[in-house]
Amino acid sequence: MTIRQNAPKTQARVLAGLMVAATLFAPGAAVGNPSGTYYERAFVVAADSRCNLFEPQVGRALAAAKAQARGAALRSGVAAADLTETGWRARARADAVACGDPQLAVVKDRVDGAFSGWVRMPRMTFPGDRYDWVANRAAYSRATWRLQQASMIGSSPVTFGYAGTGDEAALTAVVSWYGNPRPTSARLVFRDPAKAPRPWLAGDNLVPASARASLWASGVSAAEPTLLSEGKRAGDAWTFAAFAADALEQLDPREAFALEFHFRDGSVASVPFEAGDFAAGRAFIAMGVV
C-alpha cells in the first residue's frame, strides 16, 4: 500500500530558494544536479553549525532538506562514497568562509526567506520508490501519526513510524489483524552495515539472513482509535526503542527493511517497508507542532 500526495507548491519554492542561496559558495556545483543540490544544502548546514546563522527551527528544516537531497542523489544513481566526498568538500568550503563575510550574510537572508514558509508548514510528503513517508506537524489533542509509512500483510494494514500526542511521539507499528491468531512478538529487520557495508537494492527483498540486524519491540498495547487505518475499529500498537530510528537512518533510501510478527506456532509474517527519506521526515517533525 502506497500513500501518494502532491507536494505543496510552497515546498518547491522553499527548495528553490535554498538552492539559489547556497550556490553563492558552491563553485563548480551544477544547480539542479543531484550532487550539486546535496553540496548546496550540506554547505549551508555546515556554515550554520560553525557560525550559528539560523534559529533552531530553521536549522532543523535545513537538516531535513539536506537529508532529502542525499536521498534524491542516491536514487538518481550517485554512489554513496561520492556523496560522502561531496559532503567533505562542502564542509571544507564552509570552514574557509569567515562568519562575518558579507556574502554569507546574503546566504543567511535568502535561506531565512526561503524557509520561513517551510517552518510553518504542517504536513509534508517524502516520496519513495515504492512507499512514501508522510509527515504531520499539526497540533491535535489526541494521538496521531507524526511520521508514517503504510504497508500490508495479506488483508491486514500495517502502519509504521512516529505516533503520539503533541511533541511526544514514539517509534510505533500499528496493525489491524484480519482473523486469528495474534502474534506474540515483533521485531524490525534490516541490513547490518557492519556485516554488509554496501546497500542491498532488491525491491522489497531483504538482505540475506547472514547480513541482517534486528531490534525487538519493547511492548504492545491496544492502538488508539486515531492511529488505526481507515475502516478499522481495533488494532495492536507495538512500540520500539528510540535508538531503532538511528539504525534505520543508516540505510540507503532505496533499501527495504521489514517488520516481522512472530506467532506461537513458529510462523513469521514479514511486512515490507522502504527506508526512503526517513531521516528527512524525522528532521521535519523535529521542528515541533504548529
Protein backbone atom coordinates (compact mmCIF):
# COMPACT_ATOMS: atom_id res chain seq x y z
CA MET A 1 0.00 0.00 0.00
CA THR A 2 1.50 3.32 -1.02
CA ILE A 3 0.35 6.77 0.07
CA ARG A 4 0.80 9.36 -2.66
CA GLN A 5 0.16 13.08 -2.40
CA ASN A 6 1.26 16.08 -4.44
CA ALA A 7 3.91 18.09 -2.58
CA PRO A 8 2.68 21.64 -1.79
CA LYS A 9 3.82 24.37 -4.13
CA THR A 10 5.37 26.05 -1.10
CA GLN A 11 7.83 23.16 -0.84
CA ALA A 12 9.10 23.75 -4.38
CA ARG A 13 9.62 27.47 -3.67
CA VAL A 14 11.42 26.70 -0.43
CA LEU A 15 13.85 24.26 -2.00
CA ALA A 16 14.46 26.53 -4.99
CA GLY A 17 15.25 29.43 -2.67
CA LEU A 18 17.77 27.38 -0.74
CA MET A 19 19.41 26.20 -3.96
CA VAL A 20 19.92 29.73 -5.23
CA ALA A 21 21.23 30.95 -1.88
CA ALA A 22 23.77 28.21 -1.34
CA THR A 23 25.29 28.32 -4.80
CA LEU A 24 26.96 31.62 -3.89
CA PHE A 25 29.60 29.43 -2.24
CA ALA A 26 29.37 26.33 -4.44
CA PRO A 27 31.93 26.72 -7.22
CA GLY A 28 31.57 24.00 -9.80
CA ALA A 29 28.29 22.66 -8.37
CA ALA A 30 25.62 22.49 -11.04
CA VAL A 31 22.22 23.81 -9.98
CA GLY A 32 19.60 21.06 -10.34
CA ASN A 33 22.24 18.31 -10.44
CA PRO A 34 21.56 15.87 -7.54
CA SER A 35 25.15 16.02 -6.27
CA GLY A 36 25.16 19.80 -6.65
CA THR A 37 21.94 20.15 -4.69
CA TYR A 38 23.35 18.00 -1.91
CA TYR A 39 26.54 20.09 -1.91
CA GLU A 40 24.50 23.29 -1.56
CA ARG A 41 22.49 22.06 1.38
CA ALA A 42 25.48 20.43 3.08
CA PHE A 43 27.36 23.72 2.76
CA VAL A 44 24.58 25.74 4.41
CA VAL A 45 24.20 23.20 7.24
CA ALA A 46 27.96 23.25 7.86
CA ALA A 47 28.08 27.05 7.80
CA ASP A 48 25.20 27.20 10.27
CA SER A 49 26.92 24.71 12.58
CA ARG A 50 30.09 26.82 12.65
CA CYS A 51 28.63 30.33 12.61
CA ASN A 52 25.24 29.80 14.30
CA LEU A 53 23.43 31.55 11.45
CA PHE A 54 19.85 30.40 11.97
CA GLU A 55 17.19 29.93 14.61
CA PRO A 56 16.84 26.30 15.79
CA GLN A 57 13.68 25.64 13.76
CA VAL A 58 15.33 26.80 10.55
CA GLY A 59 18.37 24.69 11.41
CA ARG A 60 16.14 21.60 11.71
CA ALA A 61 14.47 22.46 8.42
CA LEU A 62 17.90 22.67 6.80
CA ALA A 63 18.78 19.25 8.23
CA ALA A 64 15.61 17.84 6.65
CA ALA A 65 16.45 19.45 3.31
CA LYS A 66 19.98 18.06 3.40
CA ALA A 67 18.73 14.54 4.16
CA GLN A 68 16.15 14.83 1.39
CA ALA A 69 18.83 15.90 -1.09
CA ARG A 70 21.01 12.94 -0.13
CA GLY A 71 18.13 10.56 -0.74
CA ALA A 72 17.37 12.11 -4.12
CA ALA A 73 21.02 11.84 -5.16
CA LEU A 74 21.24 8.18 -4.17
CA ARG A 75 18.02 7.36 -6.02
CA SER A 76 19.41 9.08 -9.11
CA GLY A 77 22.40 6.71 -9.09
CA VAL A 78 25.08 8.77 -7.33
CA ALA A 79 27.37 6.49 -5.30
CA ALA A 80 27.27 6.84 -1.53
CA ALA A 81 31.07 7.24 -1.45
CA ASP A 82 30.82 10.15 -3.89
CA LEU A 83 28.22 11.84 -1.69
CA THR A 84 30.47 11.42 1.33
CA GLU A 85 33.26 13.16 -0.59
CA THR A 86 30.81 15.89 -1.65
CA GLY A 87 29.88 16.45 1.99
CA TRP A 88 33.54 16.79 2.92
CA ARG A 89 34.06 19.40 0.19
CA ALA A 90 31.01 21.34 1.37
CA ARG A 91 32.24 21.38 4.97
CA ALA A 92 35.74 22.39 3.87
CA ARG A 93 34.29 25.28 1.87
CA ALA A 94 32.15 26.35 4.84
CA ASP A 95 35.22 26.24 7.11
CA ALA A 96 37.09 28.52 4.71
CA VAL A 97 34.44 31.26 4.77
CA ALA A 98 34.62 33.86 7.53
CA CYS A 99 31.44 34.04 9.63
CA GLY A 100 31.41 37.80 9.05
CA ASP A 101 31.73 37.52 5.26
CA PRO A 102 29.08 39.78 3.66
CA GLN A 103 28.24 37.12 1.08
CA LEU A 104 27.45 34.68 3.89
CA ALA A 105 25.04 37.29 5.24
CA VAL A 106 23.32 37.25 1.83
CA VAL A 107 23.07 33.47 2.03
CA LYS A 108 21.57 33.74 5.52
CA ASP A 109 18.94 36.26 4.41
CA ARG A 110 17.93 34.17 1.40
CA VAL A 111 17.74 30.94 3.37
CA ASP A 112 15.72 32.65 6.13
CA GLY A 113 13.29 33.86 3.48
CA ALA A 114 13.13 30.51 1.73
CA PHE A 115 12.48 28.56 4.92
CA SER A 116 10.08 30.93 6.62
CA GLY A 117 7.21 29.14 4.88
CA TRP A 118 8.56 25.64 5.50
CA VAL A 119 8.90 26.24 9.24
CA ARG A 120 5.14 26.88 9.37
CA MET A 121 4.22 24.00 7.02
CA PRO A 122 2.14 21.44 8.96
CA ARG A 123 2.38 18.50 6.58
CA MET A 124 4.82 17.15 4.04
CA THR A 125 5.17 14.01 1.93
CA PHE A 126 8.58 12.49 1.22
CA PRO A 127 8.12 10.28 -1.87
CA GLY A 128 9.98 6.99 -2.19
CA ASP A 129 10.40 4.44 -4.95
CA ARG A 130 7.69 2.12 -3.59
CA TYR A 131 6.38 3.70 -0.39
CA ASP A 132 6.15 7.27 0.91
CA TRP A 133 6.82 8.79 4.31
CA VAL A 134 4.06 11.23 5.30
CA ALA A 135 4.89 13.78 8.00
CA ASN A 136 2.36 15.71 10.07
CA ARG A 137 3.20 18.57 12.48
CA ALA A 138 -0.38 19.78 13.04
CA ALA A 139 -1.45 20.08 16.68
CA TYR A 140 -4.00 17.54 17.92
CA SER A 141 -5.31 16.78 21.41
CA ARG A 142 -5.38 13.03 20.69
CA ALA A 143 -2.73 10.62 19.48
CA THR A 144 -1.85 10.98 15.80
CA TRP A 145 0.76 9.85 13.30
CA ARG A 146 3.65 12.32 13.15
CA LEU A 147 5.57 10.33 10.55
CA GLN A 148 4.13 7.26 8.87
CA GLN A 149 4.60 4.73 6.12
CA ALA A 150 1.79 2.34 5.22
CA SER A 151 2.12 -1.29 4.10
CA MET A 152 0.08 -4.51 4.09
CA ILE A 153 0.40 -8.15 5.13
CA GLY A 154 -2.31 -10.13 3.38
CA SER A 155 -5.54 -8.25 4.17
CA SER A 156 -4.12 -6.62 7.29
CA PRO A 157 -2.97 -2.96 7.09
CA VAL A 158 0.26 -2.10 8.92
CA THR A 159 1.50 1.43 9.61
CA PHE A 160 4.96 2.23 10.95
CA GLY A 161 6.55 5.47 12.10
CA TYR A 162 6.29 8.04 14.87
CA ALA A 163 2.98 8.33 16.72
CA GLY A 164 1.89 10.20 19.83
CA THR A 165 0.31 13.32 21.28
CA GLY A 166 1.80 16.78 20.78
CA ASP A 167 5.58 16.64 20.55
CA GLU A 168 5.67 13.32 22.43
CA ALA A 169 5.97 10.69 19.70
CA ALA A 170 7.39 7.17 19.88
CA LEU A 171 8.51 4.75 17.18
CA THR A 172 5.42 2.63 16.70
CA ALA A 173 3.86 -0.02 14.45
CA VAL A 174 0.08 -0.40 14.33
CA VAL A 175 -1.55 -3.46 12.78
CA SER A 176 -5.20 -4.48 12.49
CA TRP A 177 -5.20 -8.23 12.04
CA TYR A 178 -7.66 -9.96 9.79
CA GLY A 179 -8.69 -13.08 11.70
CA ASN A 180 -6.76 -15.02 14.36
CA PRO A 181 -4.33 -15.83 15.91
CA ARG A 182 -2.38 -12.84 17.20
CA PRO A 183 1.47 -12.63 17.21
CA THR A 184 3.43 -12.96 20.43
CA SER A 185 6.31 -10.67 19.44
CA ALA A 186 7.50 -8.27 16.74
CA ARG A 187 10.85 -7.02 15.51
CA LEU A 188 12.42 -4.73 12.94
CA VAL A 189 14.78 -6.46 10.49
CA PHE A 190 17.26 -4.60 8.27
CA ARG A 191 20.76 -4.71 6.77
CA ASP A 192 23.58 -4.59 9.29
CA PRO A 193 26.21 -2.14 7.90
CA ALA A 194 28.91 -3.89 9.93
CA LYS A 195 28.20 -7.18 8.15
CA ALA A 196 27.28 -5.80 4.71
CA PRO A 197 28.68 -2.29 4.06
CA ARG A 198 27.06 -1.92 0.63
CA PRO A 199 23.34 -1.23 0.18
CA TRP A 200 21.14 -4.18 -0.74
CA LEU A 201 18.93 -2.95 -3.59
CA ALA A 202 16.42 -5.68 -4.39
CA GLY A 203 13.00 -4.09 -4.12
CA ASP A 204 11.05 -5.42 -1.14
CA ASN A 205 13.50 -8.32 -0.73
CA LEU A 206 15.68 -8.15 2.37
CA VAL A 207 19.42 -8.67 2.52
CA PRO A 208 20.36 -12.35 3.20
CA ALA A 209 19.86 -13.51 6.79
CA SER A 210 23.62 -13.65 7.44
CA ALA A 211 23.87 -9.87 6.93
CA ARG A 212 20.82 -8.80 8.93
CA ALA A 213 20.36 -6.99 12.21
CA SER A 214 17.14 -6.93 14.23
CA LEU A 215 15.54 -4.98 17.06
CA TRP A 216 12.66 -6.41 19.08
CA ALA A 217 9.62 -4.36 20.08
CA SER A 218 9.68 -3.16 23.68
CA GLY A 219 5.94 -3.56 24.25
CA VAL A 220 2.45 -3.87 22.81
CA SER A 221 -0.91 -2.37 23.71
CA ALA A 222 -4.30 -1.64 22.17
CA ALA A 223 -3.89 1.02 19.48
CA GLU A 224 -5.56 4.39 19.91
CA PRO A 225 -8.54 4.67 17.52
CA THR A 226 -6.97 7.73 15.85
CA LEU A 227 -3.96 5.62 14.78
CA LEU A 228 -5.98 2.92 13.02
CA SER A 229 -6.23 2.56 9.25
CA GLU A 230 -9.43 3.76 7.64
CA GLY A 231 -12.35 1.47 8.33
CA LYS A 232 -10.66 -0.40 11.20
CA ARG A 233 -12.10 -0.46 14.71
CA ALA A 234 -9.28 -2.15 16.62
CA GLY A 235 -5.58 -2.88 16.34
CA ASP A 236 -2.32 -3.54 18.19
CA ALA A 237 0.34 -0.88 18.74
CA TRP A 238 3.91 -2.22 19.03
CA THR A 239 6.50 0.24 20.34
CA PHE A 240 10.25 0.27 19.70
CA ALA A 241 13.22 1.83 21.47
CA ALA A 242 14.24 5.28 20.26
CA PHE A 243 17.67 4.07 19.06
CA ALA A 244 15.96 1.94 16.41
CA ALA A 245 15.45 5.14 14.40
CA ASP A 246 19.22 5.75 14.29
CA ALA A 247 19.71 2.28 12.80
CA LEU A 248 17.12 2.92 10.08
CA GLU A 249 18.77 6.23 9.17
CA GLN A 250 21.95 4.36 8.22
CA LEU A 251 20.17 2.55 5.38
CA ASP A 252 20.24 3.61 1.76
CA PRO A 253 16.85 5.26 0.94
CA ARG A 254 16.23 2.62 -1.75
CA GLU A 255 16.64 -0.27 0.68
CA ALA A 256 13.90 -2.38 2.19
CA PHE A 257 13.50 -3.18 5.85
CA ALA A 258 10.81 -5.35 7.38
CA LEU A 259 8.57 -5.64 10.38
CA GLU A 260 8.32 -9.29 11.42
CA PHE A 261 5.47 -10.67 13.51
CA HIS A 262 6.19 -13.97 15.29
CA PHE A 263 3.44 -16.43 16.23
CA ARG A 264 3.22 -19.21 18.81
CA ASP A 265 3.30 -21.92 16.16
CA GLY A 266 6.69 -20.69 14.95
CA SER A 267 5.37 -18.94 11.83
CA VAL A 268 6.52 -15.45 10.89
CA ALA A 269 4.67 -12.74 8.93
CA SER A 270 7.06 -10.26 7.27
CA VAL A 271 5.78 -6.80 6.27
CA PRO A 272 7.91 -4.82 3.77
CA PHE A 273 8.82 -1.16 4.21
CA GLU A 274 11.25 1.19 2.46
CA ALA A 275 13.92 3.27 4.20
CA GLY A 276 13.23 6.21 1.86
CA ASP A 277 13.60 9.70 3.29
CA PHE A 278 13.07 8.58 6.87
CA ALA A 279 15.89 10.84 8.05
CA ALA A 280 14.37 13.87 6.30
CA GLY A 281 10.92 13.15 7.71
CA ARG A 282 12.35 12.72 11.18
CA ALA A 283 14.15 16.07 10.94
CA PHE A 284 10.95 17.71 9.65
CA ILE A 285 8.80 16.61 12.60
CA ALA A 286 11.62 17.60 14.99
CA MET A 287 10.63 21.21 14.25
CA GLY A 288 7.65 20.62 16.56
CA VAL A 289 3.90 21.01 16.22
CA VAL A 290 2.32 24.05 14.57
